[in-house]
Amino acid sequence: MGFFDKLTGVNTEEENSKEEKNEDKKKSKKPEKKKVKIKKEEPEKEIAKEEPEEPESDGQLAIDVYEDDDNFVIQSTIAGVKAEDLDISIENDLVTIRGSRENRYREEGGKYYYQECYWGSFSRQVILPEEVDGTKAEASMKDGVLTLKIPKVKKTKKRKISVKEEE
C-alpha cells in the first residue's frame, strides 16, 4: 500500500489480505528466551577503615516570590526560627536566605509515628529577574512568615538632551 493510498484510505482486497497475513506472522512468532548467568557474590571482608562523614546538607526553604511596581517580595514560612538566627544577603540580583531551626521539644526515646518537620540548618538562593537595590531592602517576621521587600533599581527613562552650540 502506497503512502497516498494510506492517506486517502483507499485499500484493495489484495492489499488487505497481504496485511492480514503479515500481522498473523508477527503474532505467531514467540519471543526468544535469553539465558542469564547469575554470579554468586562472596561476602565482603570487613576492613577497619573509617569513611569520612558527609556533611549534612541544608534543607531547602519553601518560598513565594512576586513583584509589585516598585519591589520584589519574597515570603517564606519559617515558624520556629528567631529573627537573630536568620542570615539574609543580597548581591546584585542574587538573594540568599540561611538559618537554622532547632527542635527544642524533641522527645528523646519517644516512639514517633510521623516525623515530617524539618529541623536543622536551611538555605535558599533566588535569582531575581531584574537588578535590585539591596541597600534599601527590608525584612520582617509576623506569625512565622518572613517577608523580604527588595526595591527594584529605578531605570532611567529616555530623555532628550539639547545640544548647545558654542561660539
N, C-alpha and C. Protein backbone atom coordinates (compact mmCIF):
# COMPACT_ATOMS: atom_id res chain seq x y z
N MET A 1 0.86 -1.16 0.00
CA MET A 1 0.00 0.00 0.00
C MET A 1 0.90 1.23 0.00
N GLY A 2 0.64 2.14 -0.89
CA GLY A 2 1.44 3.34 -1.00
C GLY A 2 1.03 4.38 0.03
N PHE A 3 1.86 5.38 0.14
CA PHE A 3 1.63 6.45 1.10
C PHE A 3 0.29 7.14 0.86
N PHE A 4 0.01 7.48 -0.40
CA PHE A 4 -1.22 8.19 -0.71
C PHE A 4 -2.45 7.32 -0.51
N ASP A 5 -2.28 6.00 -0.75
CA ASP A 5 -3.39 5.08 -0.51
C ASP A 5 -3.74 5.05 0.98
N LYS A 6 -2.70 5.04 1.82
CA LYS A 6 -2.93 5.06 3.27
C LYS A 6 -3.58 6.37 3.70
N LEU A 7 -3.11 7.45 3.09
CA LEU A 7 -3.61 8.77 3.43
C LEU A 7 -5.08 8.93 3.06
N THR A 8 -5.44 8.43 1.89
CA THR A 8 -6.82 8.58 1.43
C THR A 8 -7.73 7.47 1.93
N GLY A 9 -7.15 6.39 2.43
CA GLY A 9 -7.96 5.30 2.95
C GLY A 9 -8.39 4.31 1.88
N VAL A 10 -7.87 4.43 0.68
CA VAL A 10 -8.19 3.50 -0.41
C VAL A 10 -7.41 2.22 -0.17
N ASN A 11 -8.12 1.08 -0.19
CA ASN A 11 -7.48 -0.19 0.11
C ASN A 11 -8.09 -1.26 -0.78
N THR A 12 -7.25 -1.97 -1.50
CA THR A 12 -7.78 -3.05 -2.33
C THR A 12 -7.85 -4.32 -1.50
N GLU A 13 -8.66 -5.30 -1.98
CA GLU A 13 -8.80 -6.57 -1.25
C GLU A 13 -7.49 -7.31 -1.18
N GLU A 14 -6.71 -7.23 -2.26
CA GLU A 14 -5.41 -7.92 -2.30
C GLU A 14 -4.48 -7.37 -1.23
N GLU A 15 -4.45 -6.04 -1.10
CA GLU A 15 -3.59 -5.42 -0.09
C GLU A 15 -4.07 -5.76 1.31
N ASN A 16 -5.39 -5.81 1.54
CA ASN A 16 -5.92 -6.18 2.84
C ASN A 16 -5.48 -7.58 3.25
N SER A 17 -5.55 -8.53 2.30
CA SER A 17 -5.17 -9.91 2.64
C SER A 17 -3.68 -10.01 2.93
N LYS A 18 -2.83 -9.23 2.21
CA LYS A 18 -1.39 -9.23 2.49
C LYS A 18 -1.11 -8.70 3.89
N GLU A 19 -1.80 -7.61 4.28
CA GLU A 19 -1.60 -7.02 5.60
C GLU A 19 -2.03 -7.98 6.69
N GLU A 20 -3.14 -8.70 6.49
CA GLU A 20 -3.62 -9.66 7.48
C GLU A 20 -2.62 -10.79 7.68
N LYS A 21 -2.03 -11.29 6.55
CA LYS A 21 -1.03 -12.37 6.65
C LYS A 21 0.20 -11.90 7.41
N ASN A 22 0.64 -10.67 7.13
CA ASN A 22 1.82 -10.12 7.83
C ASN A 22 1.56 -9.99 9.33
N GLU A 23 0.34 -9.55 9.68
CA GLU A 23 0.01 -9.42 11.09
C GLU A 23 -0.04 -10.77 11.78
N ASP A 24 -0.57 -11.81 11.07
CA ASP A 24 -0.61 -13.17 11.64
C ASP A 24 0.80 -13.69 11.88
N LYS A 25 1.73 -13.42 10.95
CA LYS A 25 3.11 -13.88 11.11
C LYS A 25 3.75 -13.22 12.35
N LYS A 26 3.48 -11.92 12.51
CA LYS A 26 4.05 -11.21 13.66
C LYS A 26 3.53 -11.77 14.97
N LYS A 27 2.24 -12.14 15.01
CA LYS A 27 1.64 -12.65 16.23
C LYS A 27 2.13 -14.05 16.56
N SER A 28 2.41 -14.86 15.52
CA SER A 28 2.79 -16.26 15.75
C SER A 28 4.22 -16.42 16.22
N LYS A 29 5.06 -15.42 16.02
CA LYS A 29 6.45 -15.53 16.47
C LYS A 29 6.49 -15.47 17.98
N LYS A 30 7.22 -16.42 18.56
CA LYS A 30 7.38 -16.45 20.01
C LYS A 30 8.64 -15.67 20.36
N PRO A 31 8.59 -14.91 21.42
CA PRO A 31 9.79 -14.18 21.81
C PRO A 31 10.88 -15.17 22.24
N GLU A 32 12.10 -14.85 21.86
CA GLU A 32 13.22 -15.72 22.22
C GLU A 32 13.52 -15.58 23.70
N LYS A 33 13.85 -16.71 24.30
CA LYS A 33 14.23 -16.68 25.70
C LYS A 33 15.74 -16.54 25.77
N LYS A 34 16.17 -15.67 26.65
CA LYS A 34 17.61 -15.47 26.83
C LYS A 34 18.01 -16.04 28.17
N LYS A 35 19.16 -16.68 28.17
CA LYS A 35 19.67 -17.24 29.42
C LYS A 35 20.54 -16.20 30.09
N VAL A 36 20.36 -16.07 31.37
CA VAL A 36 21.14 -15.12 32.14
C VAL A 36 21.92 -15.88 33.19
N LYS A 37 23.21 -15.64 33.24
CA LYS A 37 24.03 -16.28 34.26
C LYS A 37 24.02 -15.41 35.51
N ILE A 38 23.81 -16.02 36.63
CA ILE A 38 23.78 -15.30 37.90
C ILE A 38 25.07 -15.58 38.63
N LYS A 39 25.78 -14.52 38.96
CA LYS A 39 27.03 -14.66 39.70
C LYS A 39 26.73 -14.78 41.18
N LYS A 40 27.41 -15.65 41.80
CA LYS A 40 27.27 -15.78 43.24
C LYS A 40 28.32 -14.87 43.88
N GLU A 41 27.84 -13.92 44.66
CA GLU A 41 28.77 -12.97 45.28
C GLU A 41 29.32 -13.52 46.57
N GLU A 42 30.58 -13.24 46.78
CA GLU A 42 31.22 -13.66 48.03
C GLU A 42 31.00 -12.58 49.07
N PRO A 43 30.85 -12.98 50.32
CA PRO A 43 30.68 -11.96 51.36
C PRO A 43 31.92 -11.07 51.45
N GLU A 44 31.64 -9.76 51.66
CA GLU A 44 32.75 -8.82 51.76
C GLU A 44 33.48 -8.97 53.09
N LYS A 45 34.78 -8.79 53.02
CA LYS A 45 35.58 -8.84 54.24
C LYS A 45 35.54 -7.47 54.88
N GLU A 46 35.43 -7.45 56.18
CA GLU A 46 35.39 -6.17 56.90
C GLU A 46 36.79 -5.57 56.95
N ILE A 47 36.86 -4.31 56.66
CA ILE A 47 38.13 -3.59 56.71
C ILE A 47 38.01 -2.53 57.78
N ALA A 48 38.99 -2.47 58.65
CA ALA A 48 38.96 -1.48 59.73
C ALA A 48 39.40 -0.14 59.17
N LYS A 49 38.48 0.52 58.50
CA LYS A 49 38.76 1.80 57.89
C LYS A 49 37.55 2.70 58.10
N GLU A 50 37.79 3.89 58.60
CA GLU A 50 36.69 4.82 58.82
C GLU A 50 36.48 5.65 57.56
N GLU A 51 35.23 5.72 57.13
CA GLU A 51 34.91 6.56 55.99
C GLU A 51 34.58 7.95 56.51
N PRO A 52 35.02 8.98 55.80
CA PRO A 52 34.72 10.34 56.26
C PRO A 52 33.23 10.60 56.19
N GLU A 53 32.73 11.28 57.21
CA GLU A 53 31.31 11.59 57.24
C GLU A 53 31.00 12.67 56.23
N GLU A 54 29.90 12.49 55.51
CA GLU A 54 29.47 13.52 54.58
C GLU A 54 28.81 14.63 55.38
N PRO A 55 29.12 15.87 55.04
CA PRO A 55 28.47 16.96 55.77
C PRO A 55 26.97 16.94 55.47
N GLU A 56 26.20 17.25 56.52
CA GLU A 56 24.75 17.28 56.33
C GLU A 56 24.40 18.41 55.38
N SER A 57 23.54 18.11 54.46
CA SER A 57 23.14 19.15 53.53
C SER A 57 22.02 19.98 54.16
N ASP A 58 21.98 21.22 53.74
CA ASP A 58 20.95 22.12 54.25
C ASP A 58 19.60 21.73 53.68
N GLY A 59 18.56 21.96 54.47
CA GLY A 59 17.21 21.80 53.96
C GLY A 59 16.91 22.99 53.06
N GLN A 60 15.99 22.80 52.13
CA GLN A 60 15.64 23.90 51.23
C GLN A 60 14.38 24.58 51.72
N LEU A 61 14.44 25.87 51.76
CA LEU A 61 13.36 26.70 52.26
C LEU A 61 12.32 26.92 51.16
N ALA A 62 11.05 26.70 51.47
CA ALA A 62 9.97 26.96 50.51
C ALA A 62 9.67 28.45 50.50
N ILE A 63 9.55 29.02 49.31
CA ILE A 63 9.34 30.47 49.21
C ILE A 63 8.28 30.81 48.16
N ASP A 64 7.75 32.02 48.29
CA ASP A 64 6.92 32.64 47.26
C ASP A 64 7.65 33.92 46.85
N VAL A 65 7.72 34.19 45.56
CA VAL A 65 8.36 35.42 45.07
C VAL A 65 7.37 36.10 44.13
N TYR A 66 7.11 37.38 44.39
CA TYR A 66 6.26 38.14 43.49
C TYR A 66 6.77 39.56 43.43
N GLU A 67 6.22 40.34 42.52
CA GLU A 67 6.65 41.73 42.39
C GLU A 67 5.44 42.65 42.30
N ASP A 68 5.66 43.87 42.76
CA ASP A 68 4.69 44.93 42.53
C ASP A 68 5.41 45.98 41.68
N ASP A 69 4.88 47.16 41.60
CA ASP A 69 5.50 48.17 40.74
C ASP A 69 6.91 48.56 41.17
N ASP A 70 7.16 48.58 42.49
CA ASP A 70 8.42 49.09 42.99
C ASP A 70 9.34 48.05 43.62
N ASN A 71 8.81 46.89 44.02
CA ASN A 71 9.59 45.93 44.80
C ASN A 71 9.42 44.50 44.30
N PHE A 72 10.43 43.69 44.67
CA PHE A 72 10.27 42.24 44.63
C PHE A 72 10.00 41.85 46.08
N VAL A 73 9.10 40.89 46.27
CA VAL A 73 8.76 40.46 47.61
C VAL A 73 8.97 38.95 47.70
N ILE A 74 9.71 38.53 48.71
CA ILE A 74 9.94 37.11 48.97
C ILE A 74 9.29 36.80 50.31
N GLN A 75 8.45 35.75 50.32
CA GLN A 75 7.82 35.33 51.57
C GLN A 75 8.11 33.86 51.80
N SER A 76 8.26 33.51 53.08
CA SER A 76 8.53 32.12 53.44
C SER A 76 8.00 31.84 54.83
N THR A 77 7.47 30.64 55.00
CA THR A 77 7.03 30.24 56.35
C THR A 77 8.26 29.67 57.06
N ILE A 78 8.63 30.29 58.13
CA ILE A 78 9.79 29.84 58.89
C ILE A 78 9.47 29.79 60.38
N ALA A 79 8.36 29.18 60.69
CA ALA A 79 7.95 29.07 62.09
C ALA A 79 9.03 28.37 62.90
N GLY A 80 9.22 28.84 64.11
CA GLY A 80 10.21 28.23 65.00
C GLY A 80 11.61 28.80 64.85
N VAL A 81 11.77 29.80 64.00
CA VAL A 81 13.08 30.41 63.79
C VAL A 81 13.05 31.82 64.34
N LYS A 82 14.05 32.15 65.15
CA LYS A 82 14.14 33.51 65.68
C LYS A 82 14.79 34.42 64.63
N ALA A 83 14.42 35.70 64.65
CA ALA A 83 14.95 36.65 63.69
C ALA A 83 16.47 36.71 63.74
N GLU A 84 17.04 36.59 64.92
CA GLU A 84 18.50 36.67 65.03
C GLU A 84 19.21 35.42 64.49
N ASP A 85 18.45 34.35 64.24
CA ASP A 85 19.02 33.12 63.68
C ASP A 85 18.97 33.10 62.15
N LEU A 86 18.53 34.20 61.54
CA LEU A 86 18.47 34.29 60.08
C LEU A 86 19.62 35.11 59.54
N ASP A 87 20.11 34.69 58.38
CA ASP A 87 21.17 35.42 57.69
C ASP A 87 20.68 35.65 56.27
N ILE A 88 20.41 36.91 55.93
CA ILE A 88 19.90 37.25 54.61
C ILE A 88 20.92 38.16 53.94
N SER A 89 21.32 37.78 52.72
CA SER A 89 22.26 38.62 51.98
C SER A 89 21.78 38.81 50.55
N ILE A 90 22.13 39.96 49.99
CA ILE A 90 21.74 40.29 48.62
C ILE A 90 22.98 40.77 47.89
N GLU A 91 23.27 40.11 46.77
CA GLU A 91 24.41 40.51 45.94
C GLU A 91 23.93 40.61 44.51
N ASN A 92 23.85 41.83 43.99
CA ASN A 92 23.29 42.12 42.67
C ASN A 92 21.85 41.62 42.61
N ASP A 93 21.59 40.55 41.84
CA ASP A 93 20.22 40.03 41.74
C ASP A 93 20.07 38.68 42.44
N LEU A 94 21.05 38.28 43.26
CA LEU A 94 21.03 37.01 43.97
C LEU A 94 20.71 37.23 45.45
N VAL A 95 19.63 36.61 45.92
CA VAL A 95 19.22 36.72 47.32
C VAL A 95 19.49 35.37 47.98
N THR A 96 20.15 35.39 49.14
CA THR A 96 20.43 34.17 49.89
C THR A 96 19.82 34.29 51.28
N ILE A 97 19.05 33.28 51.66
CA ILE A 97 18.45 33.23 53.00
C ILE A 97 18.96 31.96 53.67
N ARG A 98 19.58 32.12 54.84
CA ARG A 98 20.10 30.98 55.60
C ARG A 98 19.60 31.08 57.03
N GLY A 99 19.49 29.92 57.66
CA GLY A 99 19.07 29.92 59.04
C GLY A 99 19.11 28.52 59.61
N SER A 100 18.60 28.40 60.82
CA SER A 100 18.58 27.11 61.49
C SER A 100 17.33 27.02 62.36
N ARG A 101 16.74 25.86 62.36
CA ARG A 101 15.54 25.61 63.15
C ARG A 101 15.86 24.46 64.09
N GLU A 102 15.75 24.72 65.39
CA GLU A 102 16.04 23.69 66.38
C GLU A 102 14.74 23.14 66.97
N ASN A 103 14.73 21.85 67.20
CA ASN A 103 13.58 21.23 67.83
C ASN A 103 13.84 21.22 69.34
N ARG A 104 13.31 22.19 70.02
CA ARG A 104 13.52 22.31 71.47
C ARG A 104 12.62 21.36 72.24
N TYR A 105 11.66 20.77 71.59
CA TYR A 105 10.67 19.94 72.27
C TYR A 105 10.77 18.47 71.89
N ARG A 106 11.87 18.06 71.31
CA ARG A 106 12.05 16.68 70.86
C ARG A 106 12.03 15.74 72.05
N GLU A 107 11.27 14.70 71.92
CA GLU A 107 11.15 13.69 72.96
C GLU A 107 12.15 12.57 72.66
N GLU A 108 13.26 12.58 73.37
CA GLU A 108 14.28 11.55 73.17
C GLU A 108 13.73 10.21 73.62
N GLY A 109 13.93 9.22 72.77
CA GLY A 109 13.44 7.88 73.11
C GLY A 109 11.96 7.72 72.86
N GLY A 110 11.31 8.77 72.40
CA GLY A 110 9.87 8.69 72.11
C GLY A 110 9.63 7.87 70.85
N LYS A 111 8.49 7.27 70.78
CA LYS A 111 8.14 6.46 69.63
C LYS A 111 7.36 7.32 68.64
N TYR A 112 8.06 7.84 67.62
CA TYR A 112 7.44 8.70 66.63
C TYR A 112 6.71 7.86 65.60
N TYR A 113 5.51 8.29 65.23
CA TYR A 113 4.76 7.65 64.16
C TYR A 113 4.96 8.40 62.85
N TYR A 114 5.06 9.71 62.93
CA TYR A 114 5.36 10.56 61.78
C TYR A 114 6.42 11.54 62.22
N GLN A 115 7.37 11.82 61.35
CA GLN A 115 8.38 12.82 61.65
C GLN A 115 8.68 13.56 60.35
N GLU A 116 7.82 14.53 60.03
CA GLU A 116 7.89 15.24 58.76
C GLU A 116 8.47 16.65 58.88
N CYS A 117 8.53 17.19 60.06
CA CYS A 117 9.04 18.55 60.23
C CYS A 117 10.54 18.55 60.03
N TYR A 118 11.03 19.59 59.35
CA TYR A 118 12.47 19.70 59.11
C TYR A 118 13.12 20.48 60.25
N TRP A 119 14.14 19.88 60.84
CA TRP A 119 14.89 20.52 61.92
C TRP A 119 16.35 20.56 61.48
N GLY A 120 16.97 21.69 61.71
CA GLY A 120 18.38 21.84 61.33
C GLY A 120 18.56 23.07 60.48
N SER A 121 19.71 23.14 59.81
CA SER A 121 20.02 24.32 59.02
C SER A 121 19.31 24.24 57.67
N PHE A 122 18.99 25.41 57.12
CA PHE A 122 18.34 25.50 55.82
C PHE A 122 18.90 26.69 55.08
N SER A 123 18.74 26.67 53.78
CA SER A 123 19.16 27.81 52.97
C SER A 123 18.40 27.80 51.66
N ARG A 124 18.37 28.97 51.03
CA ARG A 124 17.71 29.10 49.74
C ARG A 124 18.32 30.29 49.02
N GLN A 125 18.62 30.10 47.74
CA GLN A 125 19.12 31.18 46.91
C GLN A 125 18.11 31.42 45.79
N VAL A 126 17.88 32.70 45.49
CA VAL A 126 16.93 33.08 44.46
C VAL A 126 17.59 34.11 43.56
N ILE A 127 17.48 33.88 42.27
CA ILE A 127 17.96 34.88 41.30
C ILE A 127 16.74 35.65 40.83
N LEU A 128 16.76 36.95 41.06
CA LEU A 128 15.64 37.80 40.68
C LEU A 128 15.79 38.23 39.22
N PRO A 129 14.68 38.46 38.53
CA PRO A 129 14.74 38.76 37.09
C PRO A 129 15.24 40.16 36.74
N GLU A 130 15.36 41.03 37.72
CA GLU A 130 15.84 42.39 37.48
C GLU A 130 16.84 42.77 38.57
N GLU A 131 17.59 43.80 38.29
CA GLU A 131 18.54 44.30 39.28
C GLU A 131 17.78 44.98 40.42
N VAL A 132 18.27 44.79 41.65
CA VAL A 132 17.61 45.35 42.83
C VAL A 132 18.59 46.19 43.63
N ASP A 133 18.03 47.01 44.51
CA ASP A 133 18.85 47.83 45.41
C ASP A 133 18.84 47.18 46.79
N GLY A 134 19.82 46.34 47.05
CA GLY A 134 19.90 45.60 48.30
C GLY A 134 20.11 46.47 49.52
N THR A 135 20.62 47.67 49.34
CA THR A 135 20.87 48.55 50.49
C THR A 135 19.57 49.07 51.09
N LYS A 136 18.48 49.02 50.33
CA LYS A 136 17.20 49.52 50.83
C LYS A 136 16.21 48.39 51.13
N ALA A 137 16.69 47.17 51.16
CA ALA A 137 15.81 46.01 51.42
C ALA A 137 15.34 46.03 52.88
N GLU A 138 14.13 45.52 53.09
CA GLU A 138 13.56 45.44 54.44
C GLU A 138 13.03 44.03 54.68
N ALA A 139 13.30 43.50 55.87
CA ALA A 139 12.81 42.17 56.22
C ALA A 139 12.00 42.27 57.50
N SER A 140 10.90 41.51 57.57
CA SER A 140 10.08 41.48 58.78
C SER A 140 9.53 40.07 58.96
N MET A 141 9.16 39.76 60.19
CA MET A 141 8.57 38.46 60.51
C MET A 141 7.31 38.67 61.31
N LYS A 142 6.24 37.99 60.89
CA LYS A 142 4.99 38.07 61.63
C LYS A 142 4.30 36.71 61.54
N ASP A 143 3.93 36.17 62.69
CA ASP A 143 3.23 34.89 62.77
C ASP A 143 3.96 33.77 62.02
N GLY A 144 5.29 33.76 62.09
CA GLY A 144 6.07 32.69 61.47
C GLY A 144 6.28 32.84 59.98
N VAL A 145 5.93 34.02 59.42
CA VAL A 145 6.12 34.26 58.00
C VAL A 145 7.16 35.37 57.82
N LEU A 146 8.22 35.06 57.08
CA LEU A 146 9.25 36.04 56.76
C LEU A 146 8.82 36.77 55.49
N THR A 147 8.88 38.10 55.51
CA THR A 147 8.59 38.90 54.32
C THR A 147 9.79 39.79 54.06
N LEU A 148 10.34 39.66 52.87
CA LEU A 148 11.51 40.42 52.47
C LEU A 148 11.12 41.27 51.26
N LYS A 149 11.19 42.61 51.43
CA LYS A 149 10.87 43.54 50.34
C LYS A 149 12.18 44.14 49.84
N ILE A 150 12.39 43.99 48.53
CA ILE A 150 13.63 44.48 47.93
C ILE A 150 13.26 45.43 46.79
N PRO A 151 13.63 46.70 46.91
CA PRO A 151 13.28 47.66 45.86
C PRO A 151 14.00 47.38 44.54
N LYS A 152 13.27 47.59 43.46
CA LYS A 152 13.87 47.46 42.13
C LYS A 152 14.73 48.69 41.87
N VAL A 153 15.73 48.53 41.04
CA VAL A 153 16.54 49.68 40.64
C VAL A 153 15.72 50.46 39.64
N LYS A 154 15.59 51.75 39.92
CA LYS A 154 14.81 52.61 39.03
C LYS A 154 15.59 52.78 37.73
N LYS A 155 14.93 52.44 36.66
CA LYS A 155 15.56 52.60 35.36
C LYS A 155 15.30 54.01 34.89
N THR A 156 16.34 54.62 34.39
CA THR A 156 16.17 55.99 33.90
C THR A 156 15.42 55.94 32.58
N LYS A 157 14.46 56.81 32.49
CA LYS A 157 13.68 56.89 31.27
C LYS A 157 14.45 57.69 30.23
N LYS A 158 14.13 57.44 29.01
CA LYS A 158 14.78 58.15 27.91
C LYS A 158 14.48 59.64 28.04
N ARG A 159 15.51 60.42 27.94
CA ARG A 159 15.29 61.86 27.99
C ARG A 159 16.06 62.54 26.87
N LYS A 160 15.54 63.63 26.47
CA LYS A 160 16.14 64.36 25.36
C LYS A 160 17.20 65.29 25.91
N ILE A 161 18.33 65.32 25.24
CA ILE A 161 19.41 66.19 25.65
C ILE A 161 19.60 67.22 24.55
N SER A 162 19.55 68.46 24.96
CA SER A 162 19.74 69.53 23.97
C SER A 162 21.22 69.82 23.82
N VAL A 163 21.59 70.12 22.63
CA VAL A 163 22.99 70.41 22.32
C VAL A 163 23.14 71.92 22.21
N LYS A 164 24.09 72.44 22.97
CA LYS A 164 24.35 73.87 22.92
C LYS A 164 25.47 74.13 21.93
N GLU A 165 25.27 75.12 21.19
CA GLU A 165 26.29 75.48 20.23
C GLU A 165 27.23 76.49 20.87
N GLU A 166 28.50 76.22 20.77
CA GLU A 166 29.48 77.13 21.36
C GLU A 166 30.03 78.04 20.27
N GLU A 167 30.33 79.24 20.68
CA GLU A 167 30.87 80.21 19.74
C GLU A 167 32.33 80.30 19.78
